[in-house]
Amino acid sequence: MDTMGLLVVVGLLVAGCAALETRLSRVDRRIARVERRLDVLLSHLGVPDQDQDPDLERVRDLVRADRRVEAIKAYREATGAGLREAKEAVDRLG
């Protein structure tokens, strides 16, 4: 009976983790959508980009040269961002 109880607990934990991951994924998509809208709004209002860091200019150059993997790596080095955040930022630049 102890094994069965353990399996039930493990099953519940797995289901809970899957539900949490799904919710986080939705939140990430919503945040990305809000960031895109904010970028458009700031651009429309003529507000200068606050990310005029020389390291980020290198990232933009790599994106323009279609060297996305290198751009992601450079973004991570410049900002300390995680892989997913860096990929999304580079995607927004390209």
PDB file of N, CA and C in Angstrom:
ATOM      1  N   MET A   1       0.817  -1.193   0.000  1.00  0.00           N
ATOM      2  CA  MET A   1       0.000   0.000   0.000  1.00  0.00           C
ATOM      3  C   MET A   1       0.864   1.263   0.000  1.00  0.00           C
ATOM      4  N   ASP A   2       2.051   1.212   0.616  1.00  0.00           N
ATOM      5  CA  ASP A   2       2.930   2.372   0.649  1.00  0.00           C
ATOM      6  C   ASP A   2       3.379   2.767  -0.753  1.00  0.00           C
ATOM      7  N   THR A   3       3.633   1.782  -1.595  1.00  0.00           N
ATOM      8  CA  THR A   3       4.058   2.055  -2.960  1.00  0.00           C
ATOM      9  C   THR A   3       2.948   2.762  -3.726  1.00  0.00           C
ATOM     10  N   MET A   4       1.732   2.319  -3.533  1.00  0.00           N
ATOM     11  CA  MET A   4       0.593   2.928  -4.215  1.00  0.00           C
ATOM     12  C   MET A   4       0.421   4.383  -3.765  1.00  0.00           C
ATOM     13  N   GLY A   5       0.562   4.648  -2.500  1.00  0.00           N
ATOM     14  CA  GLY A   5       0.457   6.016  -1.987  1.00  0.00           C
ATOM     15  C   GLY A   5       1.535   6.909  -2.558  1.00  0.00           C
ATOM     16  N   LEU A   6       2.742   6.370  -2.642  1.00  0.00           N
ATOM     17  CA  LEU A   6       3.854   7.121  -3.212  1.00  0.00           C
ATOM     18  C   LEU A   6       3.597   7.443  -4.679  1.00  0.00           C
ATOM     19  N   LEU A   7       3.063   6.481  -5.415  1.00  0.00           N
ATOM     20  CA  LEU A   7       2.751   6.707  -6.828  1.00  0.00           C
ATOM     21  C   LEU A   7       1.692   7.790  -6.988  1.00  0.00           C
ATOM     22  N   VAL A   8       0.717   7.796  -6.109  1.00  0.00           N
ATOM     23  CA  VAL A   8      -0.337   8.819  -6.169  1.00  0.00           C
ATOM     24  C   VAL A   8       0.270  10.201  -5.915  1.00  0.00           C
ATOM     25  N   VAL A   9       1.120  10.298  -4.910  1.00  0.00           N
ATOM     26  CA  VAL A   9       1.754  11.580  -4.589  1.00  0.00           C
ATOM     27  C   VAL A   9       2.622  12.051  -5.757  1.00  0.00           C
ATOM     28  N   VAL A  10       3.414  11.160  -6.323  1.00  0.00           N
ATOM     29  CA  VAL A  10       4.268  11.513  -7.458  1.00  0.00           C
ATOM     30  C   VAL A  10       3.394  11.947  -8.641  1.00  0.00           C
ATOM     31  N   GLY A  11       2.312  11.235  -8.886  1.00  0.00           N
ATOM     32  CA  GLY A  11       1.402  11.598  -9.968  1.00  0.00           C
ATOM     33  C   GLY A  11       0.808  12.986  -9.771  1.00  0.00           C
ATOM     34  N   LEU A  12       0.418  13.292  -8.555  1.00  0.00           N
ATOM     35  CA  LEU A  12      -0.126  14.611  -8.265  1.00  0.00           C
ATOM     36  C   LEU A  12       0.926  15.707  -8.453  1.00  0.00           C
ATOM     37  N   LEU A  13       2.145  15.431  -8.028  1.00  0.00           N
ATOM     38  CA  LEU A  13       3.224  16.400  -8.215  1.00  0.00           C
ATOM     39  C   LEU A  13       3.504  16.653  -9.694  1.00  0.00           C
ATOM     40  N   VAL A  14       3.532  15.605 -10.483  1.00  0.00           N
ATOM     41  CA  VAL A  14       3.773  15.742 -11.917  1.00  0.00           C
ATOM     42  C   VAL A  14       2.654  16.547 -12.564  1.00  0.00           C
ATOM     43  N   ALA A  15       1.418  16.246 -12.206  1.00  0.00           N
ATOM     44  CA  ALA A  15       0.283  16.979 -12.761  1.00  0.00           C
ATOM     45  C   ALA A  15       0.337  18.444 -12.352  1.00  0.00           C
ATOM     46  N   GLY A  16       0.704  18.712 -11.105  1.00  0.00           N
ATOM     47  CA  GLY A  16       0.813  20.087 -10.639  1.00  0.00           C
ATOM     48  C   GLY A  16       1.906  20.846 -11.363  1.00  0.00           C
ATOM     49  N   CYS A  17       3.029  20.197 -11.585  1.00  0.00           N
ATOM     50  CA  CYS A  17       4.136  20.835 -12.308  1.00  0.00           C
ATOM     51  C   CYS A  17       3.747  21.126 -13.759  1.00  0.00           C
ATOM     52  N   ALA A  18       3.043  20.215 -14.382  1.00  0.00           N
ATOM     53  CA  ALA A  18       2.609  20.415 -15.766  1.00  0.00           C
ATOM     54  C   ALA A  18       1.643  21.594 -15.854  1.00  0.00           C
ATOM     55  N   ALA A  19       0.724  21.686 -14.903  1.00  0.00           N
ATOM     56  CA  ALA A  19      -0.222  22.798 -14.893  1.00  0.00           C
ATOM     57  C   ALA A  19       0.502  24.119 -14.674  1.00  0.00           C
ATOM     58  N   LEU A  20       1.478  24.133 -13.790  1.00  0.00           N
ATOM     59  CA  LEU A  20       2.247  25.346 -13.519  1.00  0.00           C
ATOM     60  C   LEU A  20       3.049  25.761 -14.744  1.00  0.00           C
ATOM     61  N   GLU A  21       3.652  24.809 -15.415  1.00  0.00           N
ATOM     62  CA  GLU A  21       4.430  25.115 -16.609  1.00  0.00           C
ATOM     63  C   GLU A  21       3.540  25.703 -17.704  1.00  0.00           C
ATOM     64  N   THR A  22       2.338  25.163 -17.862  1.00  0.00           N
ATOM     65  CA  THR A  22       1.396  25.679 -18.852  1.00  0.00           C
ATOM     66  C   THR A  22       1.017  27.115 -18.526  1.00  0.00           C
ATOM     67  N   ARG A  23       0.748  27.364 -17.259  1.00  0.00           N
ATOM     68  CA  ARG A  23       0.372  28.729 -16.848  1.00  0.00           C
ATOM     69  C   ARG A  23       1.534  29.696 -17.054  1.00  0.00           C
ATOM     70  N   LEU A  24       2.744  29.306 -16.704  1.00  0.00           N
ATOM     71  CA  LEU A  24       3.907  30.160 -16.908  1.00  0.00           C
ATOM     72  C   LEU A  24       4.141  30.443 -18.390  1.00  0.00           C
ATOM     73  N   SER A  25       3.895  29.454 -19.215  1.00  0.00           N
ATOM     74  CA  SER A  25       4.047  29.631 -20.649  1.00  0.00           C
ATOM     75  C   SER A  25       3.064  30.690 -21.156  1.00  0.00           C
ATOM     76  N   ARG A  26       1.833  30.628 -20.677  1.00  0.00           N
ATOM     77  CA  ARG A  26       0.828  31.625 -21.059  1.00  0.00           C
ATOM     78  C   ARG A  26       1.236  33.016 -20.577  1.00  0.00           C
ATOM     79  N   VAL A  27       1.752  33.091 -19.365  1.00  0.00           N
ATOM     80  CA  VAL A  27       2.190  34.380 -18.816  1.00  0.00           C
ATOM     81  C   VAL A  27       3.347  34.929 -19.649  1.00  0.00           C
ATOM     82  N   ASP A  28       4.296  34.082 -20.019  1.00  0.00           N
ATOM     83  CA  ASP A  28       5.415  34.513 -20.857  1.00  0.00           C
ATOM     84  C   ASP A  28       4.920  35.079 -22.185  1.00  0.00           C
ATOM     85  N   ARG A  29       3.961  34.413 -22.800  1.00  0.00           N
ATOM     86  CA  ARG A  29       3.415  34.892 -24.077  1.00  0.00           C
ATOM     87  C   ARG A  29       2.720  36.241 -23.904  1.00  0.00           C
ATOM     88  N   ARG A  30       1.978  36.390 -22.810  1.00  0.00           N
ATOM     89  CA  ARG A  30       1.288  37.659 -22.558  1.00  0.00           C
ATOM     90  C   ARG A  30       2.293  38.782 -22.330  1.00  0.00           C
ATOM     91  N   ILE A  31       3.339  38.509 -21.585  1.00  0.00           N
ATOM     92  CA  ILE A  31       4.362  39.525 -21.331  1.00  0.00           C
ATOM     93  C   ILE A  31       5.036  39.923 -22.642  1.00  0.00           C
ATOM     94  N   ALA A  32       5.354  38.955 -23.477  1.00  0.00           N
ATOM     95  CA  ALA A  32       5.986  39.247 -24.762  1.00  0.00           C
ATOM     96  C   ALA A  32       5.071  40.113 -25.617  1.00  0.00           C
ATOM     97  N   ARG A  33       3.771  39.817 -25.607  1.00  0.00           N
ATOM     98  CA  ARG A  33       2.799  40.598 -26.371  1.00  0.00           C
ATOM     99  C   ARG A  33       2.738  42.041 -25.843  1.00  0.00           C
ATOM    100  N   VAL A  34       2.732  42.204 -24.529  1.00  0.00           N
ATOM    101  CA  VAL A  34       2.712  43.540 -23.926  1.00  0.00           C
ATOM    102  C   VAL A  34       3.987  44.299 -24.276  1.00  0.00           C
ATOM    103  N   GLU A  35       5.123  43.613 -24.231  1.00  0.00           N
ATOM    104  CA  GLU A  35       6.384  44.268 -24.573  1.00  0.00           C
ATOM    105  C   GLU A  35       6.394  44.733 -26.024  1.00  0.00           C
ATOM    106  N   ARG A  36       5.860  43.917 -26.929  1.00  0.00           N
ATOM    107  CA  ARG A  36       5.794  44.324 -28.337  1.00  0.00           C
ATOM    108  C   ARG A  36       4.921  45.561 -28.495  1.00  0.00           C
ATOM    109  N   ARG A  37       3.776  45.566 -27.817  1.00  0.00           N
ATOM    110  CA  ARG A  37       2.884  46.729 -27.896  1.00  0.00           C
ATOM    111  C   ARG A  37       3.554  47.967 -27.322  1.00  0.00           C
ATOM    112  N   LEU A  38       4.254  47.809 -26.224  1.00  0.00           N
ATOM    113  CA  LEU A  38       4.950  48.929 -25.613  1.00  0.00           C
ATOM    114  C   LEU A  38       6.039  49.455 -26.543  1.00  0.00           C
ATOM    115  N   ASP A  39       6.767  48.559 -27.199  1.00  0.00           N
ATOM    116  CA  ASP A  39       7.793  48.983 -28.158  1.00  0.00           C
ATOM    117  C   ASP A  39       7.177  49.807 -29.282  1.00  0.00           C
ATOM    118  N   VAL A  40       6.036  49.368 -29.801  1.00  0.00           N
ATOM    119  CA  VAL A  40       5.356  50.099 -30.872  1.00  0.00           C
ATOM    120  C   VAL A  40       4.902  51.466 -30.369  1.00  0.00           C
ATOM    121  N   LEU A  41       4.334  51.499 -29.194  1.00  0.00           N
ATOM    122  CA  LEU A  41       3.854  52.751 -28.616  1.00  0.00           C
ATOM    123  C   LEU A  41       5.001  53.741 -28.400  1.00  0.00           C
ATOM    124  N   LEU A  42       6.090  53.273 -27.805  1.00  0.00           N
ATOM    125  CA  LEU A  42       7.239  54.148 -27.572  1.00  0.00           C
ATOM    126  C   LEU A  42       7.828  54.647 -28.886  1.00  0.00           C
ATOM    127  N   SER A  43       7.882  53.786 -29.874  1.00  0.00           N
ATOM    128  CA  SER A  43       8.385  54.181 -31.183  1.00  0.00           C
ATOM    129  C   SER A  43       7.481  55.242 -31.802  1.00  0.00           C
ATOM    130  N   HIS A  44       6.181  55.041 -31.706  1.00  0.00           N
ATOM    131  CA  HIS A  44       5.208  55.995 -32.253  1.00  0.00           C
ATOM    132  C   HIS A  44       5.332  57.354 -31.572  1.00  0.00           C
ATOM    133  N   LEU A  45       5.586  57.352 -30.269  1.00  0.00           N
ATOM    134  CA  LEU A  45       5.711  58.597 -29.516  1.00  0.00           C
ATOM    135  C   LEU A  45       7.086  59.245 -29.670  1.00  0.00           C
ATOM    136  N   GLY A  46       8.009  58.525 -30.301  1.00  0.00           N
ATOM    137  CA  GLY A  46       9.340  59.061 -30.520  1.00  0.00           C
ATOM    138  C   GLY A  46      10.224  59.002 -29.289  1.00  0.00           C
ATOM    139  N   VAL A  47       9.894  58.150 -28.353  1.00  0.00           N
ATOM    140  CA  VAL A  47      10.706  57.999 -27.152  1.00  0.00           C
ATOM    141  C   VAL A  47      11.943  57.196 -27.529  1.00  0.00           C
ATOM    142  N   PRO A  48      13.133  57.733 -27.225  1.00  0.00           N
ATOM    143  CA  PRO A  48      14.354  57.008 -27.616  1.00  0.00           C
ATOM    144  C   PRO A  48      14.484  55.678 -26.887  1.00  0.00           C
ATOM    145  N   ASP A  49      15.127  54.761 -27.552  1.00  0.00           N
ATOM    146  CA  ASP A  49      15.357  53.430 -26.993  1.00  0.00           C
ATOM    147  C   ASP A  49      16.334  53.539 -25.840  1.00  0.00           C
ATOM    148  N   GLN A  50      15.960  53.025 -24.698  1.00  0.00           N
ATOM    149  CA  GLN A  50      16.811  53.083 -23.514  1.00  0.00           C
ATOM    150  C   GLN A  50      17.946  52.068 -23.578  1.00  0.00           C
ATOM    151  N   ASP A  51      17.911  51.204 -24.562  1.00  0.00           N
ATOM    152  CA  ASP A  51      18.908  50.141 -24.666  1.00  0.00           C
ATOM    153  C   ASP A  51      20.033  50.514 -25.627  1.00  0.00           C
ATOM    154  N   GLN A  52      20.440  51.764 -25.668  1.00  0.00           N
ATOM    155  CA  GLN A  52      21.501  52.179 -26.573  1.00  0.00           C
ATOM    156  C   GLN A  52      22.872  51.894 -25.978  1.00  0.00           C
ATOM    157  N   ASP A  53      23.016  50.737 -25.460  1.00  0.00           N
ATOM    158  CA  ASP A  53      24.265  50.253 -24.888  1.00  0.00           C
ATOM    159  C   ASP A  53      25.141  49.753 -26.043  1.00  0.00           C
ATOM    160  N   PRO A  54      26.435  50.055 -26.045  1.00  0.00           N
ATOM    161  CA  PRO A  54      27.298  49.582 -27.138  1.00  0.00           C
ATOM    162  C   PRO A  54      27.247  48.069 -27.329  1.00  0.00           C
ATOM    163  N   ASP A  55      27.113  47.323 -26.220  1.00  0.00           N
ATOM    164  CA  ASP A  55      27.028  45.874 -26.347  1.00  0.00           C
ATOM    165  C   ASP A  55      25.748  45.466 -27.071  1.00  0.00           C
ATOM    166  N   LEU A  56      24.663  46.189 -26.818  1.00  0.00           N
ATOM    167  CA  LEU A  56      23.411  45.867 -27.497  1.00  0.00           C
ATOM    168  C   LEU A  56      23.453  46.303 -28.957  1.00  0.00           C
ATOM    169  N   GLU A  57      24.255  47.311 -29.264  1.00  0.00           N
ATOM    170  CA  GLU A  57      24.431  47.694 -30.662  1.00  0.00           C
ATOM    171  C   GLU A  57      25.122  46.557 -31.412  1.00  0.00           C
ATOM    172  N   ARG A  58      26.042  45.888 -30.748  1.00  0.00           N
ATOM    173  CA  ARG A  58      26.687  44.711 -31.337  1.00  0.00           C
ATOM    174  C   ARG A  58      25.655  43.617 -31.599  1.00  0.00           C
ATOM    175  N   VAL A  59      24.721  43.446 -30.669  1.00  0.00           N
ATOM    176  CA  VAL A  59      23.648  42.460 -30.850  1.00  0.00           C
ATOM    177  C   VAL A  59      22.837  42.819 -32.085  1.00  0.00           C
ATOM    178  N   ARG A  60      22.493  44.095 -32.227  1.00  0.00           N
ATOM    179  CA  ARG A  60      21.716  44.528 -33.409  1.00  0.00           C
ATOM    180  C   ARG A  60      22.487  44.259 -34.698  1.00  0.00           C
ATOM    181  N   ASP A  61      23.796  44.516 -34.672  1.00  0.00           N
ATOM    182  CA  ASP A  61      24.621  44.247 -35.856  1.00  0.00           C
ATOM    183  C   ASP A  61      24.613  42.764 -36.209  1.00  0.00           C
ATOM    184  N   LEU A  62      24.682  41.911 -35.189  1.00  0.00           N
ATOM    185  CA  LEU A  62      24.659  40.463 -35.436  1.00  0.00           C
ATOM    186  C   LEU A  62      23.303  40.030 -35.992  1.00  0.00           C
ATOM    187  N   VAL A  63      22.224  40.625 -35.496  1.00  0.00           N
ATOM    188  CA  VAL A  63      20.889  40.300 -36.007  1.00  0.00           C
ATOM    189  C   VAL A  63      20.794  40.715 -37.476  1.00  0.00           C
ATOM    190  N   ARG A  64      21.273  41.920 -37.775  1.00  0.00           N
ATOM    191  CA  ARG A  64      21.239  42.390 -39.166  1.00  0.00           C
ATOM    192  C   ARG A  64      22.041  41.485 -40.089  1.00  0.00           C
ATOM    193  N   ALA A  65      23.115  40.892 -39.555  1.00  0.00           N
ATOM    194  CA  ALA A  65      23.964  39.990 -40.344  1.00  0.00           C
ATOM    195  C   ALA A  65      23.409  38.565 -40.352  1.00  0.00           C
ATOM    196  N   ASP A  66      22.217  38.385 -39.777  1.00  0.00           N
ATOM    197  CA  ASP A  66      21.550  37.084 -39.711  1.00  0.00           C
ATOM    198  C   ASP A  66      22.406  36.051 -38.971  1.00  0.00           C
ATOM    199  N   ARG A  67      23.023  36.499 -37.882  1.00  0.00           N
ATOM    200  CA  ARG A  67      23.836  35.623 -37.027  1.00  0.00           C
ATOM    201  C   ARG A  67      23.162  35.561 -35.661  1.00  0.00           C
ATOM    202  N   ARG A  68      21.973  34.965 -35.643  1.00  0.00           N
ATOM    203  CA  ARG A  68      21.095  34.979 -34.466  1.00  0.00           C
ATOM    204  C   ARG A  68      21.683  34.268 -33.246  1.00  0.00           C
ATOM    205  N   VAL A  69      22.332  33.151 -33.457  1.00  0.00           N
ATOM    206  CA  VAL A  69      22.891  32.420 -32.311  1.00  0.00           C
ATOM    207  C   VAL A  69      23.944  33.277 -31.618  1.00  0.00           C
ATOM    208  N   GLU A  70      24.791  33.916 -32.412  1.00  0.00           N
ATOM    209  CA  GLU A  70      25.802  34.794 -31.838  1.00  0.00           C
ATOM    210  C   GLU A  70      25.153  36.011 -31.175  1.00  0.00           C
ATOM    211  N   ALA A  71      24.066  36.505 -31.772  1.00  0.00           N
ATOM    212  CA  ALA A  71      23.353  37.646 -31.199  1.00  0.00           C
ATOM    213  C   ALA A  71      22.758  37.284 -29.839  1.00  0.00           C
ATOM    214  N   ILE A  72      22.190  36.095 -29.743  1.00  0.00           N
ATOM    215  CA  ILE A  72      21.619  35.638 -28.469  1.00  0.00           C
ATOM    216  C   ILE A  72      22.713  35.539 -27.415  1.00  0.00           C
ATOM    217  N   LYS A  73      23.832  34.974 -27.796  1.00  0.00           N
ATOM    218  CA  LYS A  73      24.951  34.843 -26.857  1.00  0.00           C
ATOM    219  C   LYS A  73      25.443  36.222 -26.412  1.00  0.00           C
ATOM    220  N   ALA A  74      25.585  37.146 -27.353  1.00  0.00           N
ATOM    221  CA  ALA A  74      26.040  38.499 -27.026  1.00  0.00           C
ATOM    222  C   ALA A  74      25.032  39.206 -26.123  1.00  0.00           C
ATOM    223  N   TYR A  75      23.738  39.006 -26.370  1.00  0.00           N
ATOM    224  CA  TYR A  75      22.707  39.621 -25.534  1.00  0.00           C
ATOM    225  C   TYR A  75      22.797  39.093 -24.108  1.00  0.00           C
ATOM    226  N   ARG A  76      22.979  37.784 -23.993  1.00  0.00           N
ATOM    227  CA  ARG A  76      23.091  37.184 -22.655  1.00  0.00           C
ATOM    228  C   ARG A  76      24.309  37.734 -21.914  1.00  0.00           C
ATOM    229  N   GLU A  77      25.420  37.880 -22.622  1.00  0.00           N
ATOM    230  CA  GLU A  77      26.634  38.405 -21.990  1.00  0.00           C
ATOM    231  C   GLU A  77      26.446  39.861 -21.563  1.00  0.00           C
ATOM    232  N   ALA A  78      25.742  40.646 -22.386  1.00  0.00           N
ATOM    233  CA  ALA A  78      25.566  42.075 -22.106  1.00  0.00           C
ATOM    234  C   ALA A  78      24.570  42.327 -20.985  1.00  0.00           C
ATOM    235  N   THR A  79      23.561  41.469 -20.871  1.00  0.00           N
ATOM    236  CA  THR A  79      22.471  41.759 -19.934  1.00  0.00           C
ATOM    237  C   THR A  79      22.362  40.784 -18.778  1.00  0.00           C
ATOM    238  N   GLY A  80      22.966  39.610 -18.907  1.00  0.00           N
ATOM    239  CA  GLY A  80      22.804  38.592 -17.870  1.00  0.00           C
ATOM    240  C   GLY A  80      21.475  37.856 -17.972  1.00  0.00           C
ATOM    241  N   ALA A  81      20.779  38.021 -19.082  1.00  0.00           N
ATOM    242  CA  ALA A  81      19.472  37.392 -19.289  1.00  0.00           C
ATOM    243  C   ALA A  81      19.625  35.885 -19.488  1.00  0.00           C
ATOM    244  N   GLY A  82      18.541  35.178 -19.259  1.00  0.00           N
ATOM    245  CA  GLY A  82      18.495  33.754 -19.521  1.00  0.00           C
ATOM    246  C   GLY A  82      18.343  33.491 -21.009  1.00  0.00           C
ATOM    247  N   LEU A  83      18.442  32.233 -21.382  1.00  0.00           N
ATOM    248  CA  LEU A  83      18.384  31.858 -22.795  1.00  0.00           C
ATOM    249  C   LEU A  83      17.058  32.246 -23.435  1.00  0.00           C
ATOM    250  N   ARG A  84      15.952  31.927 -22.784  1.00  0.00           N
ATOM    251  CA  ARG A  84      14.635  32.225 -23.359  1.00  0.00           C
ATOM    252  C   ARG A  84      14.445  33.734 -23.524  1.00  0.00           C
ATOM    253  N   GLU A  85      14.783  34.494 -22.474  1.00  0.00           N
ATOM    254  CA  GLU A  85      14.625  35.950 -22.534  1.00  0.00           C
ATOM    255  C   GLU A  85      15.499  36.540 -23.643  1.00  0.00           C
ATOM    256  N   ALA A  86      16.725  36.046 -23.759  1.00  0.00           N
ATOM    257  CA  ALA A  86      17.631  36.543 -24.792  1.00  0.00           C
ATOM    258  C   ALA A  86      17.109  36.211 -26.181  1.00  0.00           C
ATOM    259  N   LYS A  87      16.594  35.000 -26.371  1.00  0.00           N
ATOM    260  CA  LYS A  87      16.051  34.624 -27.673  1.00  0.00           C
ATOM    261  C   LYS A  87      14.870  35.500 -28.047  1.00  0.00           C
ATOM    262  N   GLU A  88      13.980  35.746 -27.084  1.00  0.00           N
ATOM    263  CA  GLU A  88      12.813  36.592 -27.355  1.00  0.00           C
ATOM    264  C   GLU A  88      13.235  38.018 -27.681  1.00  0.00           C
ATOM    265  N   ALA A  89      14.248  38.534 -26.982  1.00  0.00           N
ATOM    266  CA  ALA A  89      14.732  39.891 -27.238  1.00  0.00           C
ATOM    267  C   ALA A  89      15.340  39.982 -28.638  1.00  0.00           C
ATOM    268  N   VAL A  90      16.128  38.986 -29.004  1.00  0.00           N
ATOM    269  CA  VAL A  90      16.737  38.971 -30.337  1.00  0.00           C
ATOM    270  C   VAL A  90      15.661  38.829 -31.402  1.00  0.00           C
ATOM    271  N   ASP A  91      14.647  38.030 -31.148  1.00  0.00           N
ATOM    272  CA  ASP A  91      13.533  37.896 -32.095  1.00  0.00           C
ATOM    273  C   ASP A  91      12.828  39.232 -32.291  1.00  0.00           C
ATOM    274  N   ARG A  92      12.677  40.002 -31.201  1.00  0.00           N
ATOM    275  CA  ARG A  92      12.031  41.315 -31.316  1.00  0.00           C
ATOM    276  C   ARG A  92      12.901  42.281 -32.116  1.00  0.00           C
ATOM    277  N   LEU A  93      14.212  42.143 -32.016  1.00  0.00           N
ATOM    278  CA  LEU A  93      15.108  43.022 -32.765  1.00  0.00           C
ATOM    279  C   LEU A  93      15.102  42.701 -34.251  1.00  0.00           C
ATOM    280  N   GLY A  94      14.890  41.423 -34.562  1.00  0.00           N
ATOM    281  CA  GLY A  94      14.950  40.986 -35.967  1.00  0.00           C
ATOM    282  C   GLY A  94      13.658  41.026 -36.568  1.00  0.00           C
TER     283      GLY A  94
END
